[in-house]
Amino acid sequence: MKTIAVTVDEATLKVLDELTEGSMRFRSRSALVREALREFGERERRRQIEAKDGEVFRKHRKRLARQARALISEQARS
């Protein structure tokens, strides 16, 4: 693990201390910050992927709609 320095305001430090105090999950501020950053990173990656997917859907929406109608029509005939 690497050690880095992060500056936080007093209110944020108070929250970190409250969350780590007596916590079985987070033994230290560092553990809490690592977990928070990990979760944030995962959410941000998902958000980026969803944005790209949304762009693809918007770009091809007419073709996708035609394909969906054709599939529904085919299933209705079966």
PDB file of N, CA and C in Angstrom:
ATOM      1  N   MET A   1       0.844  -1.174   0.000  1.00  0.00           N
ATOM      2  CA  MET A   1       0.000   0.000   0.000  1.00  0.00           C
ATOM      3  C   MET A   1       0.887   1.235   0.000  1.00  0.00           C
ATOM      4  N   LYS A   2       0.413   2.274  -0.634  1.00  0.00           N
ATOM      5  CA  LYS A   2       1.114   3.554  -0.662  1.00  0.00           C
ATOM      6  C   LYS A   2       0.486   4.483   0.365  1.00  0.00           C
ATOM      7  N   THR A   3       1.285   5.361   0.910  1.00  0.00           N
ATOM      8  CA  THR A   3       0.795   6.377   1.833  1.00  0.00           C
ATOM      9  C   THR A   3       0.687   7.685   1.072  1.00  0.00           C
ATOM     10  N   ILE A   4      -0.469   8.347   1.205  1.00  0.00           N
ATOM     11  CA  ILE A   4      -0.667   9.659   0.594  1.00  0.00           C
ATOM     12  C   ILE A   4      -1.164  10.615   1.666  1.00  0.00           C
ATOM     13  N   ALA A   5      -1.073  11.883   1.380  1.00  0.00           N
ATOM     14  CA  ALA A   5      -1.592  12.894   2.307  1.00  0.00           C
ATOM     15  C   ALA A   5      -2.832  13.515   1.688  1.00  0.00           C
ATOM     16  N   VAL A   6      -3.876  13.639   2.491  1.00  0.00           N
ATOM     17  CA  VAL A   6      -5.121  14.236   2.042  1.00  0.00           C
ATOM     18  C   VAL A   6      -5.537  15.277   3.064  1.00  0.00           C
ATOM     19  N   THR A   7      -5.909  16.436   2.594  1.00  0.00           N
ATOM     20  CA  THR A   7      -6.361  17.496   3.493  1.00  0.00           C
ATOM     21  C   THR A   7      -7.886  17.488   3.531  1.00  0.00           C
ATOM     22  N   VAL A   8      -8.451  17.454   4.726  1.00  0.00           N
ATOM     23  CA  VAL A   8      -9.912  17.492   4.875  1.00  0.00           C
ATOM     24  C   VAL A   8     -10.272  18.585   5.871  1.00  0.00           C
ATOM     25  N   ASP A   9     -11.470  19.100   5.715  1.00  0.00           N
ATOM     26  CA  ASP A   9     -11.941  20.124   6.643  1.00  0.00           C
ATOM     27  C   ASP A   9     -12.374  19.479   7.960  1.00  0.00           C
ATOM     28  N   GLU A  10     -12.586  20.297   8.956  1.00  0.00           N
ATOM     29  CA  GLU A  10     -12.933  19.799  10.301  1.00  0.00           C
ATOM     30  C   GLU A  10     -14.235  19.001  10.306  1.00  0.00           C
ATOM     31  N   ALA A  11     -15.221  19.449   9.541  1.00  0.00           N
ATOM     32  CA  ALA A  11     -16.512  18.752   9.514  1.00  0.00           C
ATOM     33  C   ALA A  11     -16.355  17.335   8.952  1.00  0.00           C
ATOM     34  N   THR A  12     -15.570  17.204   7.902  1.00  0.00           N
ATOM     35  CA  THR A  12     -15.338  15.892   7.300  1.00  0.00           C
ATOM     36  C   THR A  12     -14.558  14.998   8.257  1.00  0.00           C
ATOM     37  N   LEU A  13     -13.578  15.555   8.913  1.00  0.00           N
ATOM     38  CA  LEU A  13     -12.799  14.797   9.887  1.00  0.00           C
ATOM     39  C   LEU A  13     -13.692  14.305  11.021  1.00  0.00           C
ATOM     40  N   LYS A  14     -14.615  15.147  11.452  1.00  0.00           N
ATOM     41  CA  LYS A  14     -15.548  14.756  12.513  1.00  0.00           C
ATOM     42  C   LYS A  14     -16.404  13.572  12.059  1.00  0.00           C
ATOM     43  N   VAL A  15     -16.875  13.622  10.824  1.00  0.00           N
ATOM     44  CA  VAL A  15     -17.680  12.520  10.282  1.00  0.00           C
ATOM     45  C   VAL A  15     -16.850  11.246  10.234  1.00  0.00           C
ATOM     46  N   LEU A  16     -15.611  11.340   9.757  1.00  0.00           N
ATOM     47  CA  LEU A  16     -14.730  10.164   9.715  1.00  0.00           C
ATOM     48  C   LEU A  16     -14.551   9.565  11.102  1.00  0.00           C
ATOM     49  N   ASP A  17     -14.305  10.425  12.074  1.00  0.00           N
ATOM     50  CA  ASP A  17     -14.113   9.945  13.446  1.00  0.00           C
ATOM     51  C   ASP A  17     -15.378   9.292  13.988  1.00  0.00           C
ATOM     52  N   GLU A  18     -16.525   9.886  13.725  1.00  0.00           N
ATOM     53  CA  GLU A  18     -17.790   9.313  14.205  1.00  0.00           C
ATOM     54  C   GLU A  18     -18.050   7.945  13.580  1.00  0.00           C
ATOM     55  N   LEU A  19     -17.742   7.819  12.295  1.00  0.00           N
ATOM     56  CA  LEU A  19     -17.993   6.554  11.606  1.00  0.00           C
ATOM     57  C   LEU A  19     -17.020   5.455  12.023  1.00  0.00           C
ATOM     58  N   THR A  20     -15.802   5.824  12.351  1.00  0.00           N
ATOM     59  CA  THR A  20     -14.818   4.801  12.733  1.00  0.00           C
ATOM     60  C   THR A  20     -14.866   4.448  14.218  1.00  0.00           C
ATOM     61  N   GLU A  21     -15.370   5.365  15.025  1.00  0.00           N
ATOM     62  CA  GLU A  21     -15.409   5.131  16.471  1.00  0.00           C
ATOM     63  C   GLU A  21     -16.320   3.954  16.794  1.00  0.00           C
ATOM     64  N   GLY A  22     -15.749   2.916  17.346  1.00  0.00           N
ATOM     65  CA  GLY A  22     -16.528   1.748  17.741  1.00  0.00           C
ATOM     66  C   GLY A  22     -16.991   0.886  16.584  1.00  0.00           C
ATOM     67  N   SER A  23     -16.526   1.164  15.384  1.00  0.00           N
ATOM     68  CA  SER A  23     -16.947   0.399  14.216  1.00  0.00           C
ATOM     69  C   SER A  23     -16.185  -0.911  14.124  1.00  0.00           C
ATOM     70  N   MET A  24     -16.888  -1.986  13.875  1.00  0.00           N
ATOM     71  CA  MET A  24     -16.240  -3.273  13.666  1.00  0.00           C
ATOM     72  C   MET A  24     -15.744  -3.369  12.225  1.00  0.00           C
ATOM     73  N   ARG A  25     -16.397  -2.655  11.329  1.00  0.00           N
ATOM     74  CA  ARG A  25     -16.065  -2.722   9.906  1.00  0.00           C
ATOM     75  C   ARG A  25     -14.838  -1.881   9.564  1.00  0.00           C
ATOM     76  N   PHE A  26     -14.763  -0.683  10.134  1.00  0.00           N
ATOM     77  CA  PHE A  26     -13.666   0.231   9.830  1.00  0.00           C
ATOM     78  C   PHE A  26     -12.837   0.462  11.085  1.00  0.00           C
ATOM     79  N   ARG A  27     -11.638  -0.067  11.076  1.00  0.00           N
ATOM     80  CA  ARG A  27     -10.780   0.048  12.243  1.00  0.00           C
ATOM     81  C   ARG A  27     -10.074   1.398  12.310  1.00  0.00           C
ATOM     82  N   SER A  28     -10.033   2.096  11.168  1.00  0.00           N
ATOM     83  CA  SER A  28      -9.310   3.364  11.129  1.00  0.00           C
ATOM     84  C   SER A  28      -9.936   4.291  10.095  1.00  0.00           C
ATOM     85  N   ARG A  29      -9.542   5.542  10.154  1.00  0.00           N
ATOM     86  CA  ARG A  29      -9.974   6.496   9.131  1.00  0.00           C
ATOM     87  C   ARG A  29      -9.525   6.027   7.759  1.00  0.00           C
ATOM     88  N   SER A  30      -8.291   5.545   7.695  1.00  0.00           N
ATOM     89  CA  SER A  30      -7.747   5.098   6.407  1.00  0.00           C
ATOM     90  C   SER A  30      -8.595   3.989   5.794  1.00  0.00           C
ATOM     91  N   ALA A  31      -9.012   3.043   6.616  1.00  0.00           N
ATOM     92  CA  ALA A  31      -9.844   1.944   6.110  1.00  0.00           C
ATOM     93  C   ALA A  31     -11.168   2.481   5.578  1.00  0.00           C
ATOM     94  N   LEU A  32     -11.743   3.417   6.295  1.00  0.00           N
ATOM     95  CA  LEU A  32     -13.004   4.018   5.860  1.00  0.00           C
ATOM     96  C   LEU A  32     -12.816   4.784   4.556  1.00  0.00           C
ATOM     97  N   VAL A  33     -11.763   5.574   4.463  1.00  0.00           N
ATOM     98  CA  VAL A  33     -11.507   6.359   3.249  1.00  0.00           C
ATOM     99  C   VAL A  33     -11.225   5.437   2.072  1.00  0.00           C
ATOM    100  N   ARG A  34     -10.449   4.364   2.275  1.00  0.00           N
ATOM    101  CA  ARG A  34     -10.189   3.408   1.193  1.00  0.00           C
ATOM    102  C   ARG A  34     -11.485   2.808   0.666  1.00  0.00           C
ATOM    103  N   GLU A  35     -12.355   2.382   1.579  1.00  0.00           N
ATOM    104  CA  GLU A  35     -13.631   1.785   1.168  1.00  0.00           C
ATOM    105  C   GLU A  35     -14.502   2.804   0.436  1.00  0.00           C
ATOM    106  N   ALA A  36     -14.553   4.022   0.944  1.00  0.00           N
ATOM    107  CA  ALA A  36     -15.353   5.071   0.306  1.00  0.00           C
ATOM    108  C   ALA A  36     -14.838   5.361  -1.101  1.00  0.00           C
ATOM    109  N   LEU A  37     -13.531   5.451  -1.265  1.00  0.00           N
ATOM    110  CA  LEU A  37     -12.952   5.709  -2.587  1.00  0.00           C
ATOM    111  C   LEU A  37     -13.200   4.541  -3.537  1.00  0.00           C
ATOM    112  N   ARG A  38     -13.083   3.320  -3.020  1.00  0.00           N
ATOM    113  CA  ARG A  38     -13.345   2.133  -3.833  1.00  0.00           C
ATOM    114  C   ARG A  38     -14.794   2.145  -4.338  1.00  0.00           C
ATOM    115  N   GLU A  39     -15.734   2.400  -3.446  1.00  0.00           N
ATOM    116  CA  GLU A  39     -17.148   2.434  -3.832  1.00  0.00           C
ATOM    117  C   GLU A  39     -17.422   3.564  -4.811  1.00  0.00           C
ATOM    118  N   PHE A  40     -16.838   4.725  -4.562  1.00  0.00           N
ATOM    119  CA  PHE A  40     -17.012   5.858  -5.477  1.00  0.00           C
ATOM    120  C   PHE A  40     -16.472   5.501  -6.862  1.00  0.00           C
ATOM    121  N   GLY A  41     -15.280   4.902  -6.900  1.00  0.00           N
ATOM    122  CA  GLY A  41     -14.682   4.517  -8.176  1.00  0.00           C
ATOM    123  C   GLY A  41     -15.557   3.547  -8.949  1.00  0.00           C
ATOM    124  N   GLU A  42     -16.115   2.571  -8.267  1.00  0.00           N
ATOM    125  CA  GLU A  42     -16.999   1.598  -8.921  1.00  0.00           C
ATOM    126  C   GLU A  42     -18.255   2.280  -9.467  1.00  0.00           C
ATOM    127  N   ARG A  43     -18.857   3.158  -8.664  1.00  0.00           N
ATOM    128  CA  ARG A  43     -20.049   3.893  -9.126  1.00  0.00           C
ATOM    129  C   ARG A  43     -19.731   4.756 -10.328  1.00  0.00           C
ATOM    130  N   GLU A  44     -18.589   5.424 -10.283  1.00  0.00           N
ATOM    131  CA  GLU A  44     -18.207   6.304 -11.384  1.00  0.00           C
ATOM    132  C   GLU A  44     -17.960   5.505 -12.658  1.00  0.00           C
ATOM    133  N   ARG A  45     -17.306   4.361 -12.541  1.00  0.00           N
ATOM    134  CA  ARG A  45     -17.104   3.505 -13.723  1.00  0.00           C
ATOM    135  C   ARG A  45     -18.432   3.055 -14.306  1.00  0.00           C
ATOM    136  N   ARG A  46     -19.368   2.629 -13.442  1.00  0.00           N
ATOM    137  CA  ARG A  46     -20.699   2.222 -13.917  1.00  0.00           C
ATOM    138  C   ARG A  46     -21.410   3.376 -14.593  1.00  0.00           C
ATOM    139  N   ARG A  47     -21.300   4.579 -14.010  1.00  0.00           N
ATOM    140  CA  ARG A  47     -21.951   5.751 -14.593  1.00  0.00           C
ATOM    141  C   ARG A  47     -21.390   6.033 -15.983  1.00  0.00           C
ATOM    142  N   GLN A  48     -20.085   5.920 -16.154  1.00  0.00           N
ATOM    143  CA  GLN A  48     -19.460   6.148 -17.447  1.00  0.00           C
ATOM    144  C   GLN A  48     -19.905   5.109 -18.469  1.00  0.00           C
ATOM    145  N   ILE A  49     -19.971   3.848 -18.054  1.00  0.00           N
ATOM    146  CA  ILE A  49     -20.426   2.787 -18.956  1.00  0.00           C
ATOM    147  C   ILE A  49     -21.875   3.018 -19.353  1.00  0.00           C
ATOM    148  N   GLU A  50     -22.720   3.368 -18.381  1.00  0.00           N
ATOM    149  CA  GLU A  50     -24.130   3.626 -18.679  1.00  0.00           C
ATOM    150  C   GLU A  50     -24.295   4.819 -19.604  1.00  0.00           C
ATOM    151  N   ALA A  51     -23.458   5.836 -19.448  1.00  0.00           N
ATOM    152  CA  ALA A  51     -23.518   7.003 -20.331  1.00  0.00           C
ATOM    153  C   ALA A  51     -23.156   6.599 -21.757  1.00  0.00           C
ATOM    154  N   LYS A  52     -22.122   5.776 -21.906  1.00  0.00           N
ATOM    155  CA  LYS A  52     -21.736   5.304 -23.240  1.00  0.00           C
ATOM    156  C   LYS A  52     -22.838   4.442 -23.846  1.00  0.00           C
ATOM    157  N   ASP A  53     -23.413   3.541 -23.037  1.00  0.00           N
ATOM    158  CA  ASP A  53     -24.515   2.705 -23.511  1.00  0.00           C
ATOM    159  C   ASP A  53     -25.694   3.565 -23.947  1.00  0.00           C
ATOM    160  N   GLY A  54     -26.018   4.575 -23.154  1.00  0.00           N
ATOM    161  CA  GLY A  54     -27.116   5.474 -23.496  1.00  0.00           C
ATOM    162  C   GLY A  54     -26.865   6.185 -24.811  1.00  0.00           C
ATOM    163  N   GLU A  55     -25.620   6.566 -25.032  1.00  0.00           N
ATOM    164  CA  GLU A  55     -25.257   7.225 -26.286  1.00  0.00           C
ATOM    165  C   GLU A  55     -25.470   6.286 -27.472  1.00  0.00           C
ATOM    166  N   VAL A  56     -25.070   5.023 -27.313  1.00  0.00           N
ATOM    167  CA  VAL A  56     -25.254   4.034 -28.374  1.00  0.00           C
ATOM    168  C   VAL A  56     -26.745   3.821 -28.632  1.00  0.00           C
ATOM    169  N   PHE A  57     -27.549   3.693 -27.576  1.00  0.00           N
ATOM    170  CA  PHE A  57     -29.000   3.510 -27.744  1.00  0.00           C
ATOM    171  C   PHE A  57     -29.622   4.708 -28.454  1.00  0.00           C
ATOM    172  N   ARG A  58     -29.225   5.916 -28.057  1.00  0.00           N
ATOM    173  CA  ARG A  58     -29.776   7.109 -28.712  1.00  0.00           C
ATOM    174  C   ARG A  58     -29.384   7.157 -30.184  1.00  0.00           C
ATOM    175  N   LYS A  59     -28.153   6.804 -30.473  1.00  0.00           N
ATOM    176  CA  LYS A  59     -27.653   6.846 -31.840  1.00  0.00           C
ATOM    177  C   LYS A  59     -28.389   5.850 -32.732  1.00  0.00           C
ATOM    178  N   HIS A  60     -28.750   4.696 -32.185  1.00  0.00           N
ATOM    179  CA  HIS A  60     -29.351   3.625 -32.973  1.00  0.00           C
ATOM    180  C   HIS A  60     -30.806   3.355 -32.598  1.00  0.00           C
ATOM    181  N   ARG A  61     -31.471   4.328 -31.986  1.00  0.00           N
ATOM    182  CA  ARG A  61     -32.811   4.076 -31.459  1.00  0.00           C
ATOM    183  C   ARG A  61     -33.827   3.677 -32.528  1.00  0.00           C
ATOM    184  N   LYS A  62     -33.746   4.280 -33.716  1.00  0.00           N
ATOM    185  CA  LYS A  62     -34.725   3.930 -34.759  1.00  0.00           C
ATOM    186  C   LYS A  62     -34.548   2.486 -35.212  1.00  0.00           C
ATOM    187  N   ARG A  63     -33.303   2.079 -35.420  1.00  0.00           N
ATOM    188  CA  ARG A  63     -33.040   0.697 -35.841  1.00  0.00           C
ATOM    189  C   ARG A  63     -33.439  -0.279 -34.743  1.00  0.00           C
ATOM    190  N   LEU A  64     -33.133   0.060 -33.493  1.00  0.00           N
ATOM    191  CA  LEU A  64     -33.503  -0.809 -32.375  1.00  0.00           C
ATOM    192  C   LEU A  64     -35.023  -0.911 -32.253  1.00  0.00           C
ATOM    193  N   ALA A  65     -35.717   0.195 -32.471  1.00  0.00           N
ATOM    194  CA  ALA A  65     -37.183   0.179 -32.403  1.00  0.00           C
ATOM    195  C   ALA A  65     -37.759  -0.703 -33.499  1.00  0.00           C
ATOM    196  N   ARG A  66     -37.205  -0.602 -34.719  1.00  0.00           N
ATOM    197  CA  ARG A  66     -37.669  -1.467 -35.816  1.00  0.00           C
ATOM    198  C   ARG A  66     -37.441  -2.936 -35.485  1.00  0.00           C
ATOM    199  N   GLN A  67     -36.282  -3.241 -34.960  1.00  0.00           N
ATOM    200  CA  GLN A  67     -35.976  -4.625 -34.605  1.00  0.00           C
ATOM    201  C   GLN A  67     -36.903  -5.128 -33.499  1.00  0.00           C
ATOM    202  N   ALA A  68     -37.199  -4.284 -32.539  1.00  0.00           N
ATOM    203  CA  ALA A  68     -38.102  -4.676 -31.447  1.00  0.00           C
ATOM    204  C   ALA A  68     -39.509  -4.932 -31.988  1.00  0.00           C
ATOM    205  N   ARG A  69     -39.986  -4.038 -32.873  1.00  0.00           N
ATOM    206  CA  ARG A  69     -41.322  -4.247 -33.455  1.00  0.00           C
ATOM    207  C   ARG A  69     -41.380  -5.541 -34.260  1.00  0.00           C
ATOM    208  N   ALA A  70     -40.316  -5.820 -35.014  1.00  0.00           N
ATOM    209  CA  ALA A  70     -40.273  -7.050 -35.818  1.00  0.00           C
ATOM    210  C   ALA A  70     -40.266  -8.277 -34.911  1.00  0.00           C
ATOM    211  N   LEU A  71     -39.528  -8.223 -33.840  1.00  0.00           N
ATOM    212  CA  LEU A  71     -39.474  -9.349 -32.915  1.00  0.00           C
ATOM    213  C   LEU A  71     -40.827  -9.570 -32.243  1.00  0.00           C
ATOM    214  N   ILE A  72     -41.472  -8.501 -31.807  1.00  0.00           N
ATOM    215  CA  ILE A  72     -42.785  -8.618 -31.182  1.00  0.00           C
ATOM    216  C   ILE A  72     -43.809  -9.165 -32.168  1.00  0.00           C
ATOM    217  N   SER A  73     -43.753  -8.672 -33.384  1.00  0.00           N
ATOM    218  CA  SER A  73     -44.667  -9.150 -34.429  1.00  0.00           C
ATOM    219  C   SER A  73     -44.460 -10.652 -34.681  1.00  0.00           C
ATOM    220  N   GLU A  74     -43.208 -11.053 -34.758  1.00  0.00           N
ATOM    221  CA  GLU A  74     -42.887 -12.468 -34.974  1.00  0.00           C
ATOM    222  C   GLU A  74     -43.389 -13.324 -33.821  1.00  0.00           C
ATOM    223  N   GLN A  75     -43.209 -12.859 -32.596  1.00  0.00           N
ATOM    224  CA  GLN A  75     -43.662 -13.616 -31.435  1.00  0.00           C
ATOM    225  C   GLN A  75     -45.182 -13.668 -31.377  1.00  0.00           C
ATOM    226  N   ALA A  76     -45.847 -12.621 -31.815  1.00  0.00           N
ATOM    227  CA  ALA A  76     -47.319 -12.598 -31.802  1.00  0.00           C
ATOM    228  C   ALA A  76     -47.888 -13.619 -32.790  1.00  0.00           C
ATOM    229  N   ARG A  77     -47.178 -13.863 -33.867  1.00  0.00           N
ATOM    230  CA  ARG A  77     -47.645 -14.837 -34.861  1.00  0.00           C
ATOM    231  C   ARG A  77     -47.445 -16.284 -34.410  1.00  0.00           C
ATOM    232  N   SER A  78     -46.559 -16.495 -33.466  1.00  0.00           N
ATOM    233  CA  SER A  78     -46.249 -17.866 -33.019  1.00  0.00           C
ATOM    234  C   SER A  78     -47.290 -18.411 -32.091  1.00  0.00           C
TER     235      SER A  78
END
